[in-house]
Each structure stands twice: as C-alpha cells, then as structure tokens.
Amino acid sequence: SAIHELSDRERDVLNEVARGKTNAQVAESLGISLSTVEKHRNRIRQTLNLSNEQELHLTAWMVANPDIFHGLP
C-alpha cells in the first residue's frame, strides 16, 4: 500500500495528526519547523492521494488504530 511509501518522518507526522495535534504542536513535538510539518503533510496527502484535510485526518486515525475494524460483520 502507499502508506509504505511514506518516509519515517512523514509517518511520525501522520501519527501526530492522528492524535489531533495542530501543525504547531506537531512541529514542537517533533522538533521541526512549522513549514517542514506543512511540507510533510502535503507530501502525505500527495502520496496517499488524499484530496483534503478530512481525508488526511481520517486516514491518520485509521493508520493509528488498525485493529478497530477487526471482528466487524
């Protein structure tokens, strides 16, 4: 899947997005600049073919919680 095409840092950003952090909070948490966070988010959306922020947040949450769908009918 395309998720494996993300860099380690992009996956770090995606995990922070899944926790509901703002770009500023992600930057502080990871020790990177705000513009770097924005670049990572744009690349994540591009790589995963996501068209908007809602899709990014939903994808981030699903990646962070992969077991939530196991056992559903």
PDB file of N, CA and C in Angstrom:
ATOM      1  N   SER A   1       0.836  -1.190   0.000  1.00  0.00           N
ATOM      2  CA  SER A   1       0.000   0.000   0.000  1.00  0.00           C
ATOM      3  C   SER A   1       0.878   1.250   0.000  1.00  0.00           C
ATOM      4  N   ALA A   2       0.299   2.362  -0.362  1.00  0.00           N
ATOM      5  CA  ALA A   2       1.036   3.626  -0.461  1.00  0.00           C
ATOM      6  C   ALA A   2       1.571   4.093   0.884  1.00  0.00           C
ATOM      7  N   ILE A   3       0.986   3.631   1.962  1.00  0.00           N
ATOM      8  CA  ILE A   3       1.450   4.044   3.293  1.00  0.00           C
ATOM      9  C   ILE A   3       2.928   3.696   3.488  1.00  0.00           C
ATOM     10  N   HIS A   4       3.374   2.617   2.834  1.00  0.00           N
ATOM     11  CA  HIS A   4       4.768   2.187   2.964  1.00  0.00           C
ATOM     12  C   HIS A   4       5.716   3.065   2.165  1.00  0.00           C
ATOM     13  N   GLU A   5       5.171   3.919   1.307  1.00  0.00           N
ATOM     14  CA  GLU A   5       5.986   4.858   0.545  1.00  0.00           C
ATOM     15  C   GLU A   5       6.328   6.103   1.349  1.00  0.00           C
ATOM     16  N   LEU A   6       5.677   6.289   2.494  1.00  0.00           N
ATOM     17  CA  LEU A   6       5.961   7.449   3.336  1.00  0.00           C
ATOM     18  C   LEU A   6       7.297   7.271   4.041  1.00  0.00           C
ATOM     19  N   SER A   7       8.002   8.379   4.228  1.00  0.00           N
ATOM     20  CA  SER A   7       9.250   8.338   4.989  1.00  0.00           C
ATOM     21  C   SER A   7       8.933   8.130   6.468  1.00  0.00           C
ATOM     22  N   ASP A   8       9.941   7.791   7.236  1.00  0.00           N
ATOM     23  CA  ASP A   8       9.743   7.628   8.681  1.00  0.00           C
ATOM     24  C   ASP A   8       9.204   8.919   9.292  1.00  0.00           C
ATOM     25  N   ARG A   9       9.740  10.059   8.858  1.00  0.00           N
ATOM     26  CA  ARG A   9       9.310  11.336   9.424  1.00  0.00           C
ATOM     27  C   ARG A   9       7.868  11.649   9.028  1.00  0.00           C
ATOM     28  N   GLU A  10       7.501  11.304   7.807  1.00  0.00           N
ATOM     29  CA  GLU A  10       6.115  11.504   7.382  1.00  0.00           C
ATOM     30  C   GLU A  10       5.172  10.644   8.209  1.00  0.00           C
ATOM     31  N   ARG A  11       5.598   9.437   8.531  1.00  0.00           N
ATOM     32  CA  ARG A  11       4.773   8.582   9.403  1.00  0.00           C
ATOM     33  C   ARG A  11       4.685   9.171  10.805  1.00  0.00           C
ATOM     34  N   ASP A  12       5.780   9.784  11.284  1.00  0.00           N
ATOM     35  CA  ASP A  12       5.743  10.464  12.587  1.00  0.00           C
ATOM     36  C   ASP A  12       4.701  11.581  12.571  1.00  0.00           C
ATOM     37  N   VAL A  13       4.700  12.368  11.498  1.00  0.00           N
ATOM     38  CA  VAL A  13       3.734  13.459  11.366  1.00  0.00           C
ATOM     39  C   VAL A  13       2.319  12.890  11.302  1.00  0.00           C
ATOM     40  N   LEU A  14       2.135  11.831  10.542  1.00  0.00           N
ATOM     41  CA  LEU A  14       0.813  11.204  10.427  1.00  0.00           C
ATOM     42  C   LEU A  14       0.321  10.726  11.794  1.00  0.00           C
ATOM     43  N   ASN A  15       1.206  10.158  12.594  1.00  0.00           N
ATOM     44  CA  ASN A  15       0.823   9.724  13.945  1.00  0.00           C
ATOM     45  C   ASN A  15       0.409  10.900  14.819  1.00  0.00           C
ATOM     46  N   GLU A  16       1.105  12.012  14.680  1.00  0.00           N
ATOM     47  CA  GLU A  16       0.745  13.202  15.457  1.00  0.00           C
ATOM     48  C   GLU A  16      -0.602  13.759  14.999  1.00  0.00           C
ATOM     49  N   VAL A  17      -0.857  13.718  13.695  1.00  0.00           N
ATOM     50  CA  VAL A  17      -2.153  14.145  13.160  1.00  0.00           C
ATOM     51  C   VAL A  17      -3.257  13.264  13.735  1.00  0.00           C
ATOM     52  N   ALA A  18      -2.994  11.973  13.831  1.00  0.00           N
ATOM     53  CA  ALA A  18      -3.979  11.038  14.391  1.00  0.00           C
ATOM     54  C   ALA A  18      -4.315  11.383  15.835  1.00  0.00           C
ATOM     55  N   ARG A  19      -3.385  11.982  16.532  1.00  0.00           N
ATOM     56  CA  ARG A  19      -3.616  12.393  17.923  1.00  0.00           C
ATOM     57  C   ARG A  19      -4.333  13.739  18.009  1.00  0.00           C
ATOM     58  N   GLY A  20      -4.625  14.332  16.839  1.00  0.00           N
ATOM     59  CA  GLY A  20      -5.370  15.585  16.813  1.00  0.00           C
ATOM     60  C   GLY A  20      -4.533  16.828  17.022  1.00  0.00           C
ATOM     61  N   LYS A  21      -3.223  16.709  16.873  1.00  0.00           N
ATOM     62  CA  LYS A  21      -2.348  17.856  17.092  1.00  0.00           C
ATOM     63  C   LYS A  21      -2.383  18.822  15.917  1.00  0.00           C
ATOM     64  N   THR A  22      -2.246  20.097  16.233  1.00  0.00           N
ATOM     65  CA  THR A  22      -2.143  21.131  15.204  1.00  0.00           C
ATOM     66  C   THR A  22      -0.744  21.081  14.594  1.00  0.00           C
ATOM     67  N   ASN A  23      -0.573  21.790  13.487  1.00  0.00           N
ATOM     68  CA  ASN A  23       0.753  21.842  12.864  1.00  0.00           C
ATOM     69  C   ASN A  23       1.802  22.374  13.832  1.00  0.00           C
ATOM     70  N   ALA A  24       1.446  23.403  14.589  1.00  0.00           N
ATOM     71  CA  ALA A  24       2.381  23.988  15.554  1.00  0.00           C
ATOM     72  C   ALA A  24       2.750  22.974  16.635  1.00  0.00           C
ATOM     73  N   GLN A  25       1.769  22.211  17.107  1.00  0.00           N
ATOM     74  CA  GLN A  25       2.035  21.196  18.125  1.00  0.00           C
ATOM     75  C   GLN A  25       2.894  20.062  17.567  1.00  0.00           C
ATOM     76  N   VAL A  26       2.644  19.683  16.317  1.00  0.00           N
ATOM     77  CA  VAL A  26       3.450  18.646  15.668  1.00  0.00           C
ATOM     78  C   VAL A  26       4.891  19.134  15.555  1.00  0.00           C
ATOM     79  N   ALA A  27       5.064  20.370  15.113  1.00  0.00           N
ATOM     80  CA  ALA A  27       6.406  20.938  14.963  1.00  0.00           C
ATOM     81  C   ALA A  27       7.155  20.917  16.288  1.00  0.00           C
ATOM     82  N   GLU A  28       6.482  21.343  17.343  1.00  0.00           N
ATOM     83  CA  GLU A  28       7.115  21.366  18.663  1.00  0.00           C
ATOM     84  C   GLU A  28       7.436  19.950  19.143  1.00  0.00           C
ATOM     85  N   SER A  29       6.497  19.049  18.983  1.00  0.00           N
ATOM     86  CA  SER A  29       6.668  17.673  19.442  1.00  0.00           C
ATOM     87  C   SER A  29       7.827  16.973  18.736  1.00  0.00           C
ATOM     88  N   LEU A  30       7.962  17.217  17.426  1.00  0.00           N
ATOM     89  CA  LEU A  30       8.993  16.531  16.645  1.00  0.00           C
ATOM     90  C   LEU A  30      10.281  17.340  16.504  1.00  0.00           C
ATOM     91  N   GLY A  31      10.269  18.580  17.002  1.00  0.00           N
ATOM     92  CA  GLY A  31      11.467  19.414  16.923  1.00  0.00           C
ATOM     93  C   GLY A  31      11.801  19.838  15.497  1.00  0.00           C
ATOM     94  N   ILE A  32      10.754  20.128  14.716  1.00  0.00           N
ATOM     95  CA  ILE A  32      10.948  20.579  13.345  1.00  0.00           C
ATOM     96  C   ILE A  32      10.179  21.881  13.145  1.00  0.00           C
ATOM     97  N   SER A  33      10.454  22.563  12.045  1.00  0.00           N
ATOM     98  CA  SER A  33       9.781  23.835  11.802  1.00  0.00           C
ATOM     99  C   SER A  33       8.346  23.621  11.328  1.00  0.00           C
ATOM    100  N   LEU A  34       7.561  24.670  11.476  1.00  0.00           N
ATOM    101  CA  LEU A  34       6.175  24.639  11.029  1.00  0.00           C
ATOM    102  C   LEU A  34       6.104  24.399   9.517  1.00  0.00           C
ATOM    103  N   SER A  35       6.987  25.032   8.765  1.00  0.00           N
ATOM    104  CA  SER A  35       6.964  24.842   7.310  1.00  0.00           C
ATOM    105  C   SER A  35       7.329  23.412   6.932  1.00  0.00           C
ATOM    106  N   THR A  36       8.183  22.768   7.709  1.00  0.00           N
ATOM    107  CA  THR A  36       8.527  21.364   7.446  1.00  0.00           C
ATOM    108  C   THR A  36       7.326  20.469   7.703  1.00  0.00           C
ATOM    109  N   VAL A  37       6.580  20.753   8.757  1.00  0.00           N
ATOM    110  CA  VAL A  37       5.353  19.990   9.033  1.00  0.00           C
ATOM    111  C   VAL A  37       4.392  20.137   7.861  1.00  0.00           C
ATOM    112  N   GLU A  38       4.215  21.355   7.379  1.00  0.00           N
ATOM    113  CA  GLU A  38       3.311  21.594   6.257  1.00  0.00           C
ATOM    114  C   GLU A  38       3.775  20.848   5.005  1.00  0.00           C
ATOM    115  N   LYS A  39       5.080  20.830   4.757  1.00  0.00           N
ATOM    116  CA  LYS A  39       5.622  20.096   3.611  1.00  0.00           C
ATOM    117  C   LYS A  39       5.357  18.594   3.756  1.00  0.00           C
ATOM    118  N   HIS A  40       5.560  18.067   4.956  1.00  0.00           N
ATOM    119  CA  HIS A  40       5.303  16.644   5.198  1.00  0.00           C
ATOM    120  C   HIS A  40       3.819  16.326   4.984  1.00  0.00           C
ATOM    121  N   ARG A  41       2.951  17.165   5.507  1.00  0.00           N
ATOM    122  CA  ARG A  41       1.510  16.934   5.347  1.00  0.00           C
ATOM    123  C   ARG A  41       1.112  16.954   3.877  1.00  0.00           C
ATOM    124  N   ASN A  42       1.662  17.892   3.127  1.00  0.00           N
ATOM    125  CA  ASN A  42       1.362  17.960   1.692  1.00  0.00           C
ATOM    126  C   ASN A  42       1.855  16.711   0.975  1.00  0.00           C
ATOM    127  N   ARG A  43       3.046  16.247   1.326  1.00  0.00           N
ATOM    128  CA  ARG A  43       3.584  15.049   0.684  1.00  0.00           C
ATOM    129  C   ARG A  43       2.768  13.818   1.059  1.00  0.00           C
ATOM    130  N   ILE A  44       2.322  13.743   2.316  1.00  0.00           N
ATOM    131  CA  ILE A  44       1.466  12.633   2.757  1.00  0.00           C
ATOM    132  C   ILE A  44       0.183  12.612   1.927  1.00  0.00           C
ATOM    133  N   ARG A  45      -0.459  13.783   1.802  1.00  0.00           N
ATOM    134  CA  ARG A  45      -1.699  13.859   1.015  1.00  0.00           C
ATOM    135  C   ARG A  45      -1.447  13.455  -0.433  1.00  0.00           C
ATOM    136  N   GLN A  46      -0.337  13.899  -0.990  1.00  0.00           N
ATOM    137  CA  GLN A  46       0.006  13.576  -2.370  1.00  0.00           C
ATOM    138  C   GLN A  46       0.274  12.076  -2.536  1.00  0.00           C
ATOM    139  N   THR A  47       1.095  11.513  -1.666  1.00  0.00           N
ATOM    140  CA  THR A  47       1.463  10.099  -1.752  1.00  0.00           C
ATOM    141  C   THR A  47       0.258   9.193  -1.574  1.00  0.00           C
ATOM    142  N   LEU A  48      -0.622   9.546  -0.646  1.00  0.00           N
ATOM    143  CA  LEU A  48      -1.789   8.714  -0.356  1.00  0.00           C
ATOM    144  C   LEU A  48      -3.010   9.092  -1.188  1.00  0.00           C
ATOM    145  N   ASN A  49      -2.812  10.073  -2.086  1.00  0.00           N
ATOM    146  CA  ASN A  49      -3.888  10.512  -2.978  1.00  0.00           C
ATOM    147  C   ASN A  49      -5.120  10.975  -2.194  1.00  0.00           C
ATOM    148  N   LEU A  50      -4.874  11.808  -1.186  1.00  0.00           N
ATOM    149  CA  LEU A  50      -5.949  12.356  -0.360  1.00  0.00           C
ATOM    150  C   LEU A  50      -6.263  13.754  -0.859  1.00  0.00           C
ATOM    151  N   SER A  51      -7.538  14.076  -0.964  1.00  0.00           N
ATOM    152  CA  SER A  51      -7.899  15.346  -1.577  1.00  0.00           C
ATOM    153  C   SER A  51      -8.117  16.491  -0.595  1.00  0.00           C
ATOM    154  N   ASN A  52      -8.231  16.192   0.705  1.00  0.00           N
ATOM    155  CA  ASN A  52      -8.464  17.284   1.652  1.00  0.00           C
ATOM    156  C   ASN A  52      -8.019  16.890   3.061  1.00  0.00           C
ATOM    157  N   GLU A  53      -8.152  17.855   3.970  1.00  0.00           N
ATOM    158  CA  GLU A  53      -7.718  17.640   5.357  1.00  0.00           C
ATOM    159  C   GLU A  53      -8.546  16.583   6.075  1.00  0.00           C
ATOM    160  N   GLN A  54      -9.850  16.512   5.769  1.00  0.00           N
ATOM    161  CA  GLN A  54     -10.681  15.498   6.418  1.00  0.00           C
ATOM    162  C   GLN A  54     -10.190  14.102   6.074  1.00  0.00           C
ATOM    163  N   GLU A  55      -9.838  13.893   4.808  1.00  0.00           N
ATOM    164  CA  GLU A  55      -9.319  12.586   4.410  1.00  0.00           C
ATOM    165  C   GLU A  55      -7.990  12.299   5.091  1.00  0.00           C
ATOM    166  N   LEU A  56      -7.159  13.325   5.253  1.00  0.00           N
ATOM    167  CA  LEU A  56      -5.884  13.150   5.952  1.00  0.00           C
ATOM    168  C   LEU A  56      -6.129  12.724   7.400  1.00  0.00           C
ATOM    169  N   HIS A  57      -7.038  13.417   8.081  1.00  0.00           N
ATOM    170  CA  HIS A  57      -7.314  13.095   9.485  1.00  0.00           C
ATOM    171  C   HIS A  57      -7.911  11.692   9.630  1.00  0.00           C
ATOM    172  N   LEU A  58      -8.828  11.335   8.753  1.00  0.00           N
ATOM    173  CA  LEU A  58      -9.441  10.005   8.808  1.00  0.00           C
ATOM    174  C   LEU A  58      -8.402   8.925   8.537  1.00  0.00           C
ATOM    175  N   THR A  59      -7.580   9.129   7.537  1.00  0.00           N
ATOM    176  CA  THR A  59      -6.531   8.156   7.208  1.00  0.00           C
ATOM    177  C   THR A  59      -5.550   8.021   8.360  1.00  0.00           C
ATOM    178  N   ALA A  60      -5.153   9.143   8.934  1.00  0.00           N
ATOM    179  CA  ALA A  60      -4.222   9.122  10.067  1.00  0.00           C
ATOM    180  C   ALA A  60      -4.807   8.313  11.220  1.00  0.00           C
ATOM    181  N   TRP A  61      -6.089   8.534  11.504  1.00  0.00           N
ATOM    182  CA  TRP A  61      -6.738   7.811  12.598  1.00  0.00           C
ATOM    183  C   TRP A  61      -6.803   6.313  12.299  1.00  0.00           C
ATOM    184  N   MET A  62      -7.139   5.970  11.056  1.00  0.00           N
ATOM    185  CA  MET A  62      -7.236   4.546  10.698  1.00  0.00           C
ATOM    186  C   MET A  62      -5.872   3.864  10.747  1.00  0.00           C
ATOM    187  N   VAL A  63      -4.824   4.567  10.344  1.00  0.00           N
ATOM    188  CA  VAL A  63      -3.473   4.001  10.410  1.00  0.00           C
ATOM    189  C   VAL A  63      -3.053   3.799  11.867  1.00  0.00           C
ATOM    190  N   ALA A  64      -3.425   4.732  12.725  1.00  0.00           N
ATOM    191  CA  ALA A  64      -3.067   4.643  14.142  1.00  0.00           C
ATOM    192  C   ALA A  64      -3.896   3.609  14.896  1.00  0.00           C
ATOM    193  N   ASN A  65      -5.058   3.223  14.345  1.00  0.00           N
ATOM    194  CA  ASN A  65      -5.971   2.291  15.014  1.00  0.00           C
ATOM    195  C   ASN A  65      -6.374   1.154  14.074  1.00  0.00           C
ATOM    196  N   PRO A  66      -5.413   0.392  13.581  1.00  0.00           N
ATOM    197  CA  PRO A  66      -5.733  -0.618  12.556  1.00  0.00           C
ATOM    198  C   PRO A  66      -6.626  -1.760  13.046  1.00  0.00           C
ATOM    199  N   ASP A  67      -6.644  -2.030  14.318  1.00  0.00           N
ATOM    200  CA  ASP A  67      -7.412  -3.164  14.827  1.00  0.00           C
ATOM    201  C   ASP A  67      -8.893  -2.846  15.029  1.00  0.00           C
ATOM    202  N   ILE A  68      -9.269  -1.591  14.866  1.00  0.00           N
ATOM    203  CA  ILE A  68     -10.650  -1.183  15.150  1.00  0.00           C
ATOM    204  C   ILE A  68     -11.648  -1.903  14.232  1.00  0.00           C
ATOM    205  N   PHE A  69     -11.216  -2.294  13.043  1.00  0.00           N
ATOM    206  CA  PHE A  69     -12.128  -2.898  12.076  1.00  0.00           C
ATOM    207  C   PHE A  69     -12.160  -4.421  12.142  1.00  0.00           C
ATOM    208  N   HIS A  70     -11.271  -5.016  12.931  1.00  0.00           N
ATOM    209  CA  HIS A  70     -11.268  -6.470  13.046  1.00  0.00           C
ATOM    210  C   HIS A  70     -12.501  -6.932  13.813  1.00  0.00           C
ATOM    211  N   GLY A  71     -13.106  -7.956  13.329  1.00  0.00           N
ATOM    212  CA  GLY A  71     -14.274  -8.516  14.000  1.00  0.00           C
ATOM    213  C   GLY A  71     -15.589  -7.885  13.620  1.00  0.00           C
ATOM    214  N   LEU A  72     -15.555  -6.907  12.718  1.00  0.00           N
ATOM    215  CA  LEU A  72     -16.817  -6.335  12.252  1.00  0.00           C
ATOM    216  C   LEU A  72     -17.488  -7.296  11.280  1.00  0.00           C
ATOM    217  N   PRO A  73     -18.820  -7.330  11.299  1.00  0.00           N
ATOM    218  CA  PRO A  73     -19.522  -8.237  10.380  1.00  0.00           C
ATOM    219  C   PRO A  73     -19.326  -7.845   8.931  1.00  0.00           C
TER     220      PRO A  73
END
